[in-house]
Protein backbone atom coordinates (compact mmCIF):
# COMPACT_ATOMS: atom_id res chain seq x y z
CA UNK A 1 13.82 10.84 -73.04
CA UNK A 2 12.61 7.77 -71.16
CA UNK A 3 15.88 7.73 -69.39
CA UNK A 4 15.37 11.28 -68.20
CA UNK A 5 11.87 10.52 -66.96
CA UNK A 6 13.03 7.35 -65.21
CA UNK A 7 15.98 9.20 -63.72
CA UNK A 8 13.66 12.03 -62.60
CA UNK A 9 11.26 9.57 -60.98
CA UNK A 10 14.15 7.79 -59.27
CA UNK A 11 15.72 11.03 -58.01
CA UNK A 12 12.29 12.30 -56.93
CA UNK A 13 11.62 9.10 -55.03
CA UNK A 14 15.00 9.24 -53.31
CA UNK A 15 14.54 12.91 -52.40
CA UNK A 16 11.01 12.25 -51.17
CA UNK A 17 12.20 9.37 -49.01
CA UNK A 18 15.07 11.47 -47.64
CA UNK A 19 12.82 14.41 -46.84
CA UNK A 20 10.26 12.05 -45.30
CA UNK A 21 12.93 10.49 -43.13
CA UNK A 22 14.22 13.89 -42.05
CA UNK A 23 10.73 15.14 -41.25
CA UNK A 24 9.29 12.01 -39.64
CA UNK A 25 12.50 10.32 -38.52
CA UNK A 26 13.30 13.09 -36.07
CA UNK A 27 9.79 13.00 -34.69
CA UNK A 28 9.88 9.23 -34.47
CA UNK A 29 13.24 9.40 -32.68
CA UNK A 30 11.91 11.97 -30.23
CA UNK A 31 8.78 9.88 -29.67
CA UNK A 32 10.86 6.75 -29.13
CA UNK A 33 12.93 8.60 -26.54
CA UNK A 34 9.73 9.81 -24.87
CA UNK A 35 8.31 6.27 -24.84
CA UNK A 36 11.53 5.00 -23.26
CA UNK A 37 11.35 7.70 -20.59
CA UNK A 38 7.70 6.88 -19.86
CA UNK A 39 8.48 3.16 -19.63
CA UNK A 40 11.30 3.89 -17.22
CA UNK A 41 9.01 6.07 -15.08
CA UNK A 42 6.31 3.39 -15.17
CA UNK A 43 8.82 0.78 -13.98
CA UNK A 44 9.88 3.04 -11.10
CA UNK A 45 6.26 3.71 -10.14
CA UNK A 46 5.46 0.00 -10.21
CA UNK A 47 8.44 -0.90 -8.01
CA UNK A 48 7.48 1.86 -5.54
CA UNK A 49 3.89 0.60 -5.53
CA UNK A 50 5.07 -2.94 -4.78
CA UNK A 51 7.34 -1.67 -1.97
CA UNK A 52 4.50 0.32 -0.40
CA UNK A 53 2.14 -2.66 -0.73
CA UNK A 54 4.68 -4.83 1.09
CA UNK A 55 5.12 -2.24 3.85
CA UNK A 56 1.37 -1.89 4.24
CA UNK A 57 1.08 -5.66 4.61
CA UNK A 58 3.70 -5.58 7.36
CA UNK A 59 1.85 -2.77 9.17
CA UNK A 60 -1.43 -4.67 8.99
CA UNK A 61 0.23 -7.80 10.39
CA UNK A 62 1.78 -5.77 13.24
CA UNK A 63 -1.57 -4.17 14.08
CA UNK A 64 -3.29 -7.56 14.12
CA UNK A 65 -0.59 -8.90 16.44
CA UNK A 66 -1.04 -5.87 18.70
CA UNK A 67 -4.81 -6.35 18.75
CA UNK A 68 -4.41 -10.04 19.61
CA UNK A 69 -1.97 -9.18 22.41
CA UNK A 70 -4.31 -6.49 23.73
CA UNK A 71 -7.19 -8.97 23.74
CA UNK A 72 -5.11 -11.52 25.66
CA UNK A 73 -4.11 -8.87 28.19
CA UNK A 74 -7.71 -7.71 28.56
CA UNK A 75 -8.81 -11.30 29.24
CA UNK A 76 -6.02 -11.72 31.82
CA UNK A 77 -6.98 -8.49 33.58
CA UNK A 78 -10.63 -9.54 33.59
CA UNK A 79 -9.74 -12.90 35.20
CA UNK A 80 -7.52 -11.21 37.78
CA UNK A 81 -10.29 -8.73 38.57
CA UNK A 82 -12.77 -11.57 39.06
CA UNK A 83 -10.31 -13.38 41.37
CA UNK A 84 -9.71 -10.22 43.38
CA UNK A 85 -13.45 -9.59 43.73
CA UNK A 86 -13.95 -13.20 44.89
CA UNK A 87 -11.06 -12.88 47.35
CA UNK A 88 -12.44 -9.58 48.62
CA UNK A 89 -15.83 -11.20 49.19
CA UNK A 90 -14.18 -14.09 51.06
CA UNK A 91 -12.14 -11.77 53.25
CA UNK A 92 -14.95 -9.38 54.06
CA UNK A 93 -15.96 -9.59 57.74
CA UNK A 94 -19.28 -11.26 58.34
CA UNK A 95 -22.12 -8.79 58.83
CA UNK A 96 -23.01 -8.12 62.44
CA UNK A 97 -26.53 -7.72 63.69
CA UNK A 98 -28.15 -4.58 62.46
CA UNK A 99 -25.89 -4.33 59.41
CA UNK A 100 -26.81 -5.30 55.93
CA UNK A 101 -24.20 -6.87 53.70
CA UNK A 102 -23.95 -3.61 51.76
CA UNK A 103 -23.35 -1.36 54.76
CA UNK A 104 -24.79 -0.19 58.19
CA UNK A 105 -28.54 -0.16 58.77
CA UNK A 106 -30.36 3.17 58.46
């Protein structure tokens, strides 16, 4: 009799473990596959983020270089304009009597 009870408990335990594995093992396998897919997607997203961050850094550097070049050119044009205005003032004919330096008298 004890043998039958022990055998019943043993068989019940084995069947319970088997049914538990079938029920939860499939779900666990599916969840593990889902976790793997999510990790793969996260890795791809992270690499794309890093690539875009690098490209953005390059764009910012290019824009700063352009701004610096534009500022240098603006300063050069300003200096040339000042030189041309000074040269124009030097080359202007001296005012004659009855004329003001800005134009003829009224």
